[in-house]
Amino acid sequence: MSREIAVLGSGYAGVAALQSLEEELEGEADITWVSETDYHLLLHEVHRCIRDPSVREKVVIPVEELKDDDTEFVQARVTGLDVDERVVHLDEGDDIEYDYCVVCLGSQTAFYGIDGLEEHALTLKSLGDAMTINQKLSAAVSDATDDDPAQIVIGGAGLTGIQTVGEVAAYRDEHDVPVEIHLIEMEDEIFPGHDHEFQGAIRNKLDAKDIEISTGTVVSEVDEAKIYFENGDPLQYDAFVWAGGVTGEDALSDADIEKDHNRAYANSTFKTSDDRVLAIGDAALVEQDAEGGPLSEQDAWEAIVHPDTDDVPPPTAEAAMEEGEHVGENVARMIAGSEPVHWSYINKGTLVSVGDRAVAHDVIGIPLNTFGGPGARMLKKAISARWIGESYSWVAAARAWNDM
């Protein structure tokens, strides 16, 4: 009897998981792929659409181009996961029964209960979000003057916030429009938690773009015109983009698995507290052993239920891709009655774009701690092109090169 495998999500983790499952199982299981969209979005490049909406054609790949013919695709939103009955609930259409389920649902923006924030702020978690930011930006500058410039505010100076503010600055410069750009961050430094040299290099790029940076700034309330803070005067805005954090998707809220803020705890084989459910990507908190090898079962669960910042890989596209590439082998081994293999994340470096510039840090094989210039820019382009080429088409990767 054929096994039923459900893959939930079409982000980096979902695409990599789907393709690794197809390769490992070779038709020996029925795979159902579920996603709210009928395309894969290059989320780490979608900020490019803020400046130039035509880039949308380069940052989406139709799911039909990514899957085998034998894989069934269902376009629907996952609303729940019943691990006792082994059923995935959808917002429309029939529920999906599974023998093994790979959860790759990604994350959603966290608003932390701040009054008015969710109602009034824009986000950047989808193609539609990027297009909306572009429209808001265009509308804001249409009435702006040198004496009364448009006020654009980005909340959160992590990766998304920095790359968003870089595209807003590039839009301002290319269109030569009067815009004041503000980047606010609750921590005392931009790109919190990263190397100080790296932070300084990024800040230099932002300063060169005439971006007003405010750290140690905690948002307390937002209305239709102003952002209020715990300390200091309110800030008026024409467009406000919130990139201040993420949380898990609501679909996992009632699932009977160990989780934190709807992100599933998984050990280093990607198994959750339910043996038939595996979780990867931003939907998961995957245990990592600091010594590079598997932990005992008891120590593993202790580590993931009470993680510190070194216990789980970062919520990056790179980590999600790697997890997806390995999860297929583990599902195949579990079906065959073998022990799944453990996976350890190795950080290959970090790259951040600020408009048409980039900063790289701690890149494997390069004897520089932090660097920018053409080298960093080409490296970031190459990473995006490699993903498009390996998952889809090298022709498409070449076509997208100039826009990455």
Protein backbone atom coordinates (compact mmCIF):
# COMPACT_ATOMS: atom_id res chain seq x y z
CA MET A 1 0.00 0.00 0.00
CA SER A 2 1.43 3.39 -1.04
CA ARG A 3 2.26 5.89 1.69
CA GLU A 4 0.64 9.33 1.67
CA ILE A 5 3.03 12.25 2.17
CA ALA A 6 1.79 15.81 2.69
CA VAL A 7 4.12 18.78 2.17
CA LEU A 8 2.75 22.05 3.53
CA GLY A 9 4.14 25.27 2.08
CA SER A 10 5.92 26.49 -1.08
CA GLY A 11 8.70 28.61 0.41
CA TYR A 12 12.37 27.67 0.29
CA ALA A 13 11.88 24.81 2.75
CA GLY A 14 8.76 23.57 0.96
CA VAL A 15 10.31 23.53 -2.52
CA ALA A 16 13.51 21.87 -1.32
CA ALA A 17 11.53 19.31 0.71
CA LEU A 18 9.21 18.52 -2.18
CA GLN A 19 12.05 17.98 -4.63
CA SER A 20 14.10 15.90 -2.21
CA LEU A 21 11.08 13.71 -1.44
CA GLU A 22 10.42 13.17 -5.14
CA GLU A 23 14.05 12.18 -5.67
CA GLU A 24 14.30 9.88 -2.65
CA LEU A 25 10.91 8.15 -2.98
CA GLU A 26 10.94 7.80 -6.78
CA GLY A 27 7.21 7.19 -7.10
CA GLU A 28 7.01 4.83 -4.11
CA ALA A 29 4.72 7.22 -2.23
CA ASP A 30 1.87 9.57 -3.14
CA ILE A 31 2.90 13.16 -2.49
CA THR A 32 0.44 16.01 -2.02
CA TRP A 33 1.86 19.53 -2.03
CA VAL A 34 -0.27 22.23 -0.43
CA SER A 35 0.26 25.99 -0.74
CA GLU A 36 -1.87 29.11 -0.52
CA THR A 37 -0.19 30.38 -3.70
CA ASP A 38 0.40 28.55 -6.97
CA TYR A 39 3.97 29.82 -7.12
CA HIS A 40 7.19 29.81 -5.14
CA LEU A 41 8.29 33.30 -4.06
CA LEU A 42 11.94 34.28 -3.73
CA LEU A 43 11.17 36.02 -0.45
CA HIS A 44 14.76 37.18 0.12
CA GLU A 45 14.55 39.17 -3.14
CA VAL A 46 10.92 40.36 -3.08
CA HIS A 47 12.02 43.71 -1.63
CA ARG A 48 13.26 44.54 -5.15
CA CYS A 49 9.60 44.99 -6.18
CA ILE A 50 9.31 47.99 -3.85
CA ARG A 51 11.52 49.96 -6.23
CA ASP A 52 10.49 48.29 -9.49
CA PRO A 53 7.22 46.30 -9.67
CA SER A 54 8.28 44.67 -12.95
CA VAL A 55 10.77 42.54 -10.98
CA ARG A 56 7.80 40.44 -9.82
CA GLU A 57 8.22 38.30 -12.92
CA LYS A 58 11.73 37.36 -11.75
CA VAL A 59 10.89 36.51 -8.13
CA VAL A 60 8.09 33.99 -8.69
CA ILE A 61 8.31 30.45 -10.06
CA PRO A 62 5.08 28.55 -10.89
CA VAL A 63 4.68 25.39 -8.82
CA GLU A 64 3.98 23.39 -11.97
CA GLU A 65 7.55 24.10 -13.04
CA LEU A 66 8.96 22.80 -9.76
CA LYS A 67 7.15 19.51 -9.16
CA ASP A 68 6.98 16.15 -10.89
CA ASP A 69 3.84 15.30 -12.85
CA ASP A 70 2.92 12.59 -10.34
CA THR A 71 2.84 15.03 -7.42
CA GLU A 72 -0.61 16.42 -6.69
CA PHE A 73 -0.74 20.15 -5.99
CA VAL A 74 -3.55 21.66 -3.94
CA GLN A 75 -3.92 25.43 -3.76
CA ALA A 76 -5.46 26.18 -0.40
CA ARG A 77 -4.66 27.69 2.98
CA VAL A 78 -3.83 25.24 5.77
CA THR A 79 -6.11 25.95 8.73
CA GLY A 80 -5.21 23.12 11.09
CA LEU A 81 -3.29 19.91 11.69
CA ASP A 82 -4.88 16.97 13.51
CA VAL A 83 -2.00 14.68 14.44
CA ASP A 84 -4.26 12.09 16.08
CA GLU A 85 -6.32 11.55 12.94
CA ARG A 86 -3.39 12.43 10.64
CA VAL A 87 -5.40 15.00 8.74
CA VAL A 88 -4.52 18.41 7.32
CA HIS A 89 -7.45 20.83 7.39
CA LEU A 90 -7.83 23.36 4.56
CA ASP A 91 -9.89 26.51 4.13
CA GLU A 92 -11.53 25.04 1.04
CA GLY A 93 -11.70 21.64 -0.61
CA ASP A 94 -11.28 18.24 1.00
CA ASP A 95 -9.07 17.64 4.02
CA ILE A 96 -5.86 15.73 3.30
CA GLU A 97 -4.99 12.50 5.05
CA TYR A 98 -1.33 11.64 5.50
CA ASP A 99 1.06 8.97 6.76
CA TYR A 100 3.84 11.56 7.09
CA CYS A 101 3.50 15.32 7.05
CA VAL A 102 6.32 17.80 6.40
CA VAL A 103 5.42 21.22 7.79
CA CYS A 104 7.09 24.09 5.90
CA LEU A 105 4.49 26.83 6.44
CA GLY A 106 6.97 29.61 7.12
CA SER A 107 6.12 32.46 9.45
CA GLN A 108 4.01 35.57 9.71
CA THR A 109 4.69 39.05 11.01
CA ALA A 110 4.52 39.49 14.79
CA PHE A 111 2.73 42.59 16.10
CA TYR A 112 3.20 41.95 19.84
CA GLY A 113 -0.19 43.35 20.78
CA ILE A 114 0.89 46.94 20.06
CA ASP A 115 -2.24 49.05 19.74
CA GLY A 116 -2.98 49.93 16.10
CA LEU A 117 0.17 48.34 14.67
CA GLU A 118 -1.44 45.48 12.73
CA GLU A 119 -4.24 47.76 11.52
CA HIS A 120 -2.06 50.55 10.14
CA ALA A 121 1.36 49.09 9.29
CA LEU A 122 2.40 47.46 6.03
CA THR A 123 4.38 44.22 6.06
CA LEU A 124 6.75 42.40 3.68
CA LYS A 125 5.90 38.70 3.75
CA SER A 126 4.45 38.24 0.25
CA LEU A 127 4.52 39.50 -3.31
CA GLY A 128 1.28 41.39 -2.65
CA ASP A 129 2.91 43.11 0.32
CA ALA A 130 5.79 44.37 -1.83
CA MET A 131 3.41 45.68 -4.48
CA THR A 132 1.34 47.46 -1.82
CA ILE A 133 4.44 49.15 -0.42
CA ASN A 134 5.33 50.34 -3.92
CA GLN A 135 1.82 51.76 -4.38
CA LYS A 136 1.87 53.50 -0.99
CA LEU A 137 5.30 54.93 -1.71
CA SER A 138 4.21 56.19 -5.13
CA ALA A 139 1.10 57.81 -3.66
CA ALA A 140 3.07 59.43 -0.85
CA VAL A 141 5.60 61.08 -3.16
CA SER A 142 2.95 62.29 -5.62
CA ASP A 143 1.94 65.08 -3.23
CA ALA A 144 5.34 65.65 -1.66
CA THR A 145 7.37 68.83 -2.02
CA ASP A 146 10.82 69.89 -0.95
CA ASP A 147 9.20 71.84 1.89
CA ASP A 148 6.92 68.94 2.81
CA PRO A 149 8.67 65.67 1.87
CA ALA A 150 6.99 62.27 2.14
CA GLN A 151 7.68 60.53 5.46
CA ILE A 152 8.47 56.82 5.08
CA VAL A 153 9.15 54.79 8.23
CA ILE A 154 10.48 51.24 8.48
CA GLY A 155 10.15 49.56 11.86
CA GLY A 156 12.74 46.90 12.66
CA ALA A 157 16.41 46.96 11.64
CA GLY A 158 16.85 43.26 11.00
CA LEU A 159 17.44 41.79 7.53
CA THR A 160 13.98 42.60 6.15
CA GLY A 161 13.95 46.11 7.55
CA ILE A 162 17.42 46.96 6.25
CA GLN A 163 16.73 45.60 2.76
CA THR A 164 13.35 47.37 2.66
CA VAL A 165 14.80 50.73 3.64
CA GLY A 166 17.51 50.28 1.02
CA GLU A 167 14.92 49.85 -1.73
CA VAL A 168 12.93 52.87 -0.55
CA ALA A 169 16.11 54.94 -0.71
CA ALA A 170 16.87 53.61 -4.20
CA TYR A 171 13.32 54.52 -5.32
CA ARG A 172 13.80 58.04 -3.95
CA ASP A 173 17.11 58.48 -5.74
CA GLU A 174 16.02 57.01 -9.08
CA HIS A 175 12.82 59.08 -9.19
CA ASP A 176 14.44 62.17 -7.62
CA VAL A 177 11.52 62.73 -5.27
CA PRO A 178 11.45 64.45 -1.84
CA VAL A 179 11.38 61.69 0.79
CA GLU A 180 12.59 61.49 4.36
CA ILE A 181 13.33 57.90 5.36
CA HIS A 182 13.37 56.69 8.95
CA LEU A 183 14.60 53.32 10.26
CA ILE A 184 13.59 52.61 13.86
CA GLU A 185 14.81 49.75 16.04
CA MET A 186 13.93 48.84 19.63
CA GLU A 187 17.38 47.41 20.35
CA ASP A 188 20.41 49.64 20.84
CA GLU A 189 22.00 48.57 17.54
CA ILE A 190 20.95 47.79 14.00
CA PHE A 191 21.02 44.16 12.83
CA PRO A 192 20.89 43.08 16.48
CA GLY A 193 22.93 40.09 17.59
CA HIS A 194 25.44 40.26 14.75
CA ASP A 195 29.14 41.09 14.64
CA HIS A 196 29.90 44.75 15.45
CA GLU A 197 32.10 45.19 12.39
CA PHE A 198 29.28 43.82 10.23
CA GLN A 199 26.78 46.16 11.88
CA GLY A 200 29.10 49.12 11.33
CA ALA A 201 29.56 48.33 7.64
CA ILE A 202 25.80 48.13 7.14
CA ARG A 203 25.27 51.37 9.03
CA ASN A 204 27.82 53.12 6.82
CA LYS A 205 25.80 52.08 3.77
CA LEU A 206 22.59 53.37 5.36
CA ASP A 207 24.19 56.65 6.42
CA ALA A 208 25.44 57.16 2.87
CA LYS A 209 21.82 56.86 1.73
CA ASP A 210 20.80 59.68 4.12
CA ILE A 211 18.57 57.41 6.19
CA GLU A 212 17.61 58.62 9.66
CA ILE A 213 18.35 55.78 12.10
CA SER A 214 16.84 55.66 15.61
CA THR A 215 17.81 52.79 17.93
CA GLY A 216 16.50 52.08 21.42
CA THR A 217 13.12 53.20 20.11
CA VAL A 218 10.11 51.18 21.34
CA VAL A 219 6.78 51.59 19.54
CA SER A 220 3.82 51.86 21.92
CA GLU A 221 0.93 52.77 19.61
CA VAL A 222 0.16 53.50 15.97
CA ASP A 223 -2.74 55.43 14.44
CA GLU A 224 -3.53 56.42 10.87
CA ALA A 225 -1.00 59.28 10.87
CA LYS A 226 1.50 58.89 13.70
CA ILE A 227 3.72 56.36 15.48
CA TYR A 228 3.98 56.78 19.25
CA PHE A 229 6.90 55.62 21.38
CA GLU A 230 7.49 54.74 25.00
CA ASN A 231 9.85 57.71 25.14
CA GLY A 232 10.14 60.73 22.86
CA ASP A 233 7.88 62.56 20.48
CA PRO A 234 5.55 60.79 18.04
CA LEU A 235 6.63 60.41 14.41
CA GLN A 236 4.30 61.31 11.56
CA TYR A 237 4.28 58.99 8.55
CA ASP A 238 2.83 58.62 5.06
CA ALA A 239 3.80 54.95 4.83
CA PHE A 240 4.90 52.69 7.69
CA VAL A 241 6.42 49.26 7.04
CA TRP A 242 6.70 46.94 10.05
CA ALA A 243 9.50 44.36 9.96
CA GLY A 244 9.97 44.03 13.70
CA GLY A 245 9.71 40.27 14.13
CA VAL A 246 8.00 37.03 13.12
CA THR A 247 5.93 34.33 14.71
CA GLY A 248 4.53 30.98 13.56
CA GLU A 249 1.47 30.55 11.39
CA ASP A 250 -1.96 30.23 13.00
CA ALA A 251 -2.47 26.84 11.32
CA LEU A 252 -0.33 25.21 14.03
CA SER A 253 -2.06 26.90 16.97
CA ASP A 254 -4.21 23.88 17.87
CA ALA A 255 -1.86 21.15 16.64
CA ASP A 256 -0.97 18.71 19.42
CA ILE A 257 2.80 19.02 19.03
CA GLU A 258 5.43 20.77 21.14
CA LYS A 259 5.81 24.34 19.90
CA ASP A 260 6.59 27.91 20.84
CA HIS A 261 4.56 30.75 19.33
CA ASN A 262 3.27 28.31 16.71
CA ARG A 263 6.76 27.25 15.64
CA ALA A 264 7.19 23.50 16.07
CA TYR A 265 10.07 22.11 18.10
CA ALA A 266 11.97 19.51 16.07
CA ASN A 267 15.07 17.50 16.83
CA SER A 268 18.04 17.32 14.48
CA THR A 269 16.28 14.71 12.31
CA PHE A 270 13.38 17.20 11.88
CA LYS A 271 10.99 14.98 13.84
CA THR A 272 8.56 16.81 16.12
CA SER A 273 6.98 15.42 19.28
CA ASP A 274 4.69 13.48 16.91
CA ASP A 275 6.68 10.85 15.02
CA ARG A 276 4.68 11.30 11.82
CA VAL A 277 5.16 15.07 11.62
CA LEU A 278 8.42 16.70 10.56
CA ALA A 279 8.96 20.47 10.63
CA ILE A 280 11.55 22.65 8.89
CA GLY A 281 12.21 26.23 7.86
CA ASP A 282 10.65 29.18 9.66
CA ALA A 283 7.84 26.92 10.87
CA ALA A 284 10.31 25.04 13.07
CA LEU A 285 12.82 25.40 15.87
CA VAL A 286 15.30 22.68 14.92
CA GLU A 287 17.63 21.50 17.68
CA GLN A 288 21.33 21.78 17.00
CA ASP A 289 24.15 20.22 19.01
CA ALA A 290 26.99 22.64 19.68
CA GLU A 291 29.45 19.73 19.41
CA GLY A 292 28.30 18.94 15.88
CA GLY A 293 26.75 15.52 16.57
CA PRO A 294 23.39 14.15 17.65
CA LEU A 295 22.27 14.57 21.25
CA SER A 296 20.71 11.83 23.31
CA GLU A 297 16.91 11.80 22.98
CA GLN A 298 16.44 13.23 26.47
CA ASP A 299 19.05 15.98 26.00
CA ALA A 300 17.71 16.80 22.56
CA TRP A 301 14.22 17.51 23.80
CA GLU A 302 15.56 19.51 26.72
CA ALA A 303 17.59 21.61 24.29
CA ILE A 304 14.73 22.37 21.93
CA VAL A 305 12.08 22.98 24.56
CA HIS A 306 14.42 25.45 26.27
CA PRO A 307 16.59 26.74 23.42
CA ASP A 308 19.14 29.52 23.52
CA THR A 309 20.28 31.41 20.44
CA ASP A 310 22.93 28.80 19.58
CA ASP A 311 20.56 25.81 19.79
CA VAL A 312 18.63 26.47 16.58
CA PRO A 313 19.67 27.56 13.08
CA PRO A 314 18.79 31.11 12.00
CA PRO A 315 15.49 31.77 10.17
CA THR A 316 17.20 32.23 6.80
CA ALA A 317 16.57 30.99 3.28
CA GLU A 318 19.89 29.13 3.37
CA ALA A 319 18.97 27.12 6.46
CA ALA A 320 15.49 26.36 5.09
CA MET A 321 16.94 25.10 1.81
CA GLU A 322 19.40 22.81 3.58
CA GLU A 323 16.73 21.38 5.84
CA GLY A 324 14.47 20.73 2.87
CA GLU A 325 17.26 19.02 0.94
CA HIS A 326 17.83 16.60 3.85
CA VAL A 327 14.25 15.92 4.94
CA GLY A 328 13.46 13.73 1.92
CA GLU A 329 16.10 11.20 2.91
CA ASN A 330 14.75 11.04 6.44
CA VAL A 331 11.16 10.46 5.36
CA ALA A 332 12.36 7.70 3.01
CA ARG A 333 14.35 6.11 5.83
CA MET A 334 11.40 6.29 8.22
CA ILE A 335 9.13 4.62 5.65
CA ALA A 336 11.75 1.87 5.21
CA GLY A 337 11.95 1.37 8.98
CA SER A 338 15.47 2.82 9.28
CA GLU A 339 16.71 5.46 11.66
CA PRO A 340 16.65 9.01 10.25
CA VAL A 341 19.95 10.84 10.01
CA HIS A 342 20.89 13.89 12.06
CA TRP A 343 21.54 17.25 10.40
CA SER A 344 23.79 20.05 11.59
CA TYR A 345 23.70 23.58 10.27
CA ILE A 346 26.96 25.21 9.21
CA ASN A 347 26.77 28.96 8.68
CA LYS A 348 28.32 29.74 5.30
CA GLY A 349 28.13 33.50 5.79
CA THR A 350 25.62 36.34 5.79
CA LEU A 351 24.84 38.86 3.08
CA VAL A 352 22.68 41.98 3.31
CA SER A 353 21.71 44.24 0.43
CA VAL A 354 21.19 47.99 0.76
CA GLY A 355 19.74 49.03 -2.57
CA ASP A 356 22.29 48.16 -5.25
CA ARG A 357 25.05 47.63 -2.70
CA ALA A 358 25.71 44.70 -0.39
CA VAL A 359 27.69 43.76 2.69
CA ALA A 360 29.03 40.24 3.33
CA HIS A 361 30.25 38.76 6.59
CA ASP A 362 32.05 35.56 7.61
CA VAL A 363 31.76 33.93 4.18
CA ILE A 364 33.35 30.50 4.04
CA GLY A 365 36.45 30.43 1.86
CA ILE A 366 37.00 34.20 1.84
CA PRO A 367 39.75 35.50 4.17
CA LEU A 368 37.91 38.72 5.05
CA ASN A 369 35.65 39.09 8.06
CA THR A 370 33.41 41.74 6.50
CA PHE A 371 33.48 43.20 2.99
CA GLY A 372 31.34 45.13 0.53
CA GLY A 373 31.90 46.41 -2.98
CA PRO A 374 31.43 44.45 -6.21
CA GLY A 375 32.52 41.21 -4.55
CA ALA A 376 29.67 41.24 -2.03
CA ARG A 377 27.18 42.31 -4.67
CA MET A 378 28.18 39.55 -7.10
CA LEU A 379 28.13 36.96 -4.34
CA LYS A 380 24.58 37.87 -3.35
CA LYS A 381 23.48 37.70 -6.98
CA ALA A 382 25.16 34.32 -7.35
CA ILE A 383 23.34 32.85 -4.34
CA SER A 384 19.95 33.87 -5.73
CA ALA A 385 20.85 32.65 -9.21
CA ARG A 386 22.04 29.29 -7.88
CA TRP A 387 18.74 28.67 -6.11
CA ILE A 388 16.71 29.54 -9.22
CA GLY A 389 18.99 27.43 -11.41
CA GLU A 390 19.08 24.34 -9.19
CA SER A 391 15.41 24.33 -8.26
CA TYR A 392 14.00 25.49 -11.60
CA SER A 393 16.04 26.66 -14.60
CA TRP A 394 19.47 28.12 -15.31
CA VAL A 395 17.95 30.10 -18.17
CA ALA A 396 15.56 31.73 -15.69
CA ALA A 397 18.49 32.37 -13.34
CA ALA A 398 20.35 34.20 -16.10
CA ARG A 399 17.30 36.29 -16.92
CA ALA A 400 16.88 37.28 -13.28
CA TRP A 401 20.56 38.14 -12.71
CA ASN A 402 20.35 41.90 -13.27
CA ASP A 403 17.38 42.26 -10.90
CA MET A 404 18.81 40.31 -7.98
